[in-house]
């Protein structure tokens, strides 16, 4: 199954306070969003992120390690 989402603000420290996200650091937030995405999308699926395709490449590389 394919999923589509807009900019989740990976690496955006300011969004933690702006959106009242429950994370102490941007690294913890990014890891949580990757983990939650992986729980939803199986290996045959695809999640397409809008707005920041360059960041997507970094996320995919980090996820494959």
N, C-alpha and C. Protein backbone atom coordinates (compact mmCIF):
# COMPACT_ATOMS: atom_id res chain seq x y z
N UNK A 1 0.84 -1.17 0.00
CA UNK A 1 0.00 0.00 0.00
C UNK A 1 0.89 1.24 0.00
N UNK A 2 0.47 2.25 -0.70
CA UNK A 2 1.18 3.51 -0.74
C UNK A 2 0.54 4.51 0.22
N UNK A 3 1.37 5.27 0.90
CA UNK A 3 0.92 6.33 1.80
C UNK A 3 1.52 7.64 1.32
N UNK A 4 0.83 8.72 1.54
CA UNK A 4 1.29 10.05 1.15
C UNK A 4 1.17 10.98 2.35
N UNK A 5 2.18 11.79 2.54
CA UNK A 5 2.13 12.75 3.64
C UNK A 5 2.84 14.03 3.22
N UNK A 6 2.55 15.08 3.91
CA UNK A 6 3.20 16.37 3.66
C UNK A 6 4.46 16.45 4.53
N UNK A 7 5.02 17.58 4.62
CA UNK A 7 6.24 17.81 5.37
C UNK A 7 6.02 17.51 6.86
N UNK A 8 6.73 16.54 7.39
CA UNK A 8 6.62 16.18 8.80
C UNK A 8 7.61 16.97 9.66
N UNK A 9 8.44 17.77 9.03
CA UNK A 9 9.42 18.62 9.71
C UNK A 9 10.54 17.83 10.37
N UNK A 10 11.05 16.82 9.64
CA UNK A 10 12.24 16.14 10.11
C UNK A 10 13.37 17.16 10.26
N UNK A 11 14.09 17.08 11.36
CA UNK A 11 15.22 17.97 11.59
C UNK A 11 14.87 19.39 11.97
N UNK A 12 13.60 19.68 12.19
CA UNK A 12 13.16 21.04 12.50
C UNK A 12 12.96 21.19 14.00
N UNK A 13 13.95 21.70 14.66
CA UNK A 13 13.90 21.84 16.12
C UNK A 13 12.76 22.74 16.59
N UNK A 14 12.51 23.82 15.89
CA UNK A 14 11.50 24.79 16.30
C UNK A 14 10.08 24.24 16.31
N UNK A 15 9.82 23.21 15.50
CA UNK A 15 8.46 22.67 15.43
C UNK A 15 8.08 21.94 16.72
N UNK A 16 9.05 21.54 17.50
CA UNK A 16 8.75 20.86 18.77
C UNK A 16 7.95 21.79 19.67
N UNK A 17 8.40 23.01 19.82
CA UNK A 17 7.66 23.98 20.64
C UNK A 17 6.44 24.52 19.91
N UNK A 18 6.59 24.80 18.63
CA UNK A 18 5.50 25.38 17.85
C UNK A 18 4.26 24.49 17.84
N UNK A 19 4.46 23.20 17.64
CA UNK A 19 3.34 22.25 17.57
C UNK A 19 3.13 21.49 18.87
N UNK A 20 3.86 21.87 19.91
CA UNK A 20 3.75 21.21 21.22
C UNK A 20 3.97 19.71 21.11
N UNK A 21 5.01 19.34 20.37
CA UNK A 21 5.33 17.92 20.21
C UNK A 21 6.04 17.41 21.47
N UNK A 22 5.79 16.18 21.86
CA UNK A 22 6.29 15.65 23.14
C UNK A 22 7.72 15.09 23.07
N UNK A 23 8.65 15.85 22.51
CA UNK A 23 10.02 15.38 22.36
C UNK A 23 10.98 16.39 22.95
N UNK A 24 12.07 15.88 23.55
CA UNK A 24 13.06 16.78 24.13
C UNK A 24 14.10 17.24 23.12
N UNK A 25 14.36 16.42 22.10
CA UNK A 25 15.34 16.79 21.07
C UNK A 25 14.79 16.46 19.69
N UNK A 26 15.37 17.10 18.69
CA UNK A 26 14.96 16.85 17.31
C UNK A 26 15.36 15.43 16.89
N UNK A 27 16.46 14.93 17.44
CA UNK A 27 16.90 13.57 17.10
C UNK A 27 15.89 12.53 17.59
N UNK A 28 15.39 12.72 18.81
CA UNK A 28 14.38 11.81 19.36
C UNK A 28 13.10 11.90 18.54
N UNK A 29 12.72 13.09 18.15
CA UNK A 29 11.52 13.28 17.34
C UNK A 29 11.67 12.57 15.99
N UNK A 30 12.81 12.77 15.32
CA UNK A 30 13.03 12.14 14.02
C UNK A 30 12.98 10.62 14.13
N UNK A 31 13.63 10.07 15.13
CA UNK A 31 13.63 8.62 15.32
C UNK A 31 12.22 8.10 15.57
N UNK A 32 11.44 8.83 16.35
CA UNK A 32 10.06 8.41 16.64
C UNK A 32 9.23 8.43 15.36
N UNK A 33 9.37 9.46 14.55
CA UNK A 33 8.58 9.54 13.32
C UNK A 33 8.98 8.43 12.34
N UNK A 34 10.27 8.11 12.26
CA UNK A 34 10.72 7.02 11.40
C UNK A 34 10.16 5.70 11.91
N UNK A 35 10.25 5.48 13.21
CA UNK A 35 9.75 4.25 13.80
C UNK A 35 8.24 4.08 13.56
N UNK A 36 7.48 5.14 13.80
CA UNK A 36 6.03 5.08 13.58
C UNK A 36 5.69 4.84 12.11
N UNK A 37 6.46 5.46 11.22
CA UNK A 37 6.24 5.24 9.78
C UNK A 37 6.51 3.78 9.42
N UNK A 38 7.59 3.23 9.96
CA UNK A 38 7.93 1.83 9.68
C UNK A 38 6.88 0.86 10.21
N UNK A 39 6.24 1.21 11.31
CA UNK A 39 5.18 0.36 11.85
C UNK A 39 3.96 0.34 10.93
N UNK A 40 3.74 1.41 10.22
CA UNK A 40 2.56 1.53 9.35
C UNK A 40 2.81 0.95 7.96
N UNK A 41 4.00 1.18 7.42
CA UNK A 41 4.29 0.81 6.03
C UNK A 41 5.17 -0.45 6.03
N UNK A 42 4.70 -1.51 5.38
CA UNK A 42 5.50 -2.72 5.32
C UNK A 42 6.55 -2.61 4.21
N UNK A 43 7.38 -3.63 4.07
CA UNK A 43 8.48 -3.58 3.10
C UNK A 43 8.01 -3.47 1.65
N UNK A 44 6.82 -3.92 1.36
CA UNK A 44 6.28 -3.83 0.00
C UNK A 44 5.58 -2.51 -0.25
N UNK A 45 5.38 -1.73 0.80
CA UNK A 45 4.67 -0.46 0.68
C UNK A 45 5.63 0.69 0.42
N UNK A 46 5.05 1.86 0.33
CA UNK A 46 5.83 3.06 0.05
C UNK A 46 5.17 4.25 0.73
N UNK A 47 5.98 5.09 1.35
CA UNK A 47 5.47 6.33 1.90
C UNK A 47 6.15 7.48 1.16
N UNK A 48 5.37 8.30 0.54
CA UNK A 48 5.89 9.42 -0.22
C UNK A 48 5.71 10.70 0.58
N UNK A 49 6.82 11.38 0.82
CA UNK A 49 6.81 12.61 1.58
C UNK A 49 6.80 13.79 0.63
N UNK A 50 5.88 14.70 0.84
CA UNK A 50 5.85 15.90 0.03
C UNK A 50 6.79 16.96 0.57
N UNK A 51 7.23 17.85 -0.26
CA UNK A 51 7.95 19.06 0.09
C UNK A 51 9.46 18.90 0.23
N UNK A 52 9.98 17.85 0.80
CA UNK A 52 11.43 17.76 1.03
C UNK A 52 12.03 16.45 0.53
N UNK A 53 12.12 16.27 -0.78
CA UNK A 53 12.67 15.01 -1.30
C UNK A 53 14.13 14.79 -0.92
N UNK A 54 14.90 15.83 -0.69
CA UNK A 54 16.30 15.66 -0.30
C UNK A 54 16.37 15.02 1.07
N UNK A 55 15.57 15.48 2.00
CA UNK A 55 15.53 14.89 3.34
C UNK A 55 15.06 13.44 3.26
N UNK A 56 14.15 13.14 2.35
CA UNK A 56 13.66 11.77 2.21
C UNK A 56 14.83 10.83 1.92
N UNK A 57 15.74 11.24 1.04
CA UNK A 57 16.89 10.40 0.74
C UNK A 57 17.71 10.12 1.99
N UNK A 58 17.89 11.10 2.84
CA UNK A 58 18.63 10.90 4.08
C UNK A 58 17.88 9.96 5.00
N UNK A 59 16.58 10.08 5.07
CA UNK A 59 15.77 9.23 5.94
C UNK A 59 15.83 7.79 5.46
N UNK A 60 15.71 7.59 4.17
CA UNK A 60 15.75 6.23 3.61
C UNK A 60 17.11 5.60 3.91
N UNK A 61 18.20 6.34 3.72
CA UNK A 61 19.54 5.81 4.00
C UNK A 61 19.67 5.45 5.47
N UNK A 62 19.21 6.29 6.36
CA UNK A 62 19.30 6.02 7.80
C UNK A 62 18.46 4.81 8.17
N UNK A 63 17.35 4.65 7.50
CA UNK A 63 16.45 3.55 7.80
C UNK A 63 17.00 2.21 7.35
N UNK A 64 17.85 2.21 6.35
CA UNK A 64 18.39 0.95 5.80
C UNK A 64 19.58 0.44 6.61
N UNK A 65 20.12 1.27 7.48
CA UNK A 65 21.28 0.82 8.29
C UNK A 65 20.85 -0.02 9.45
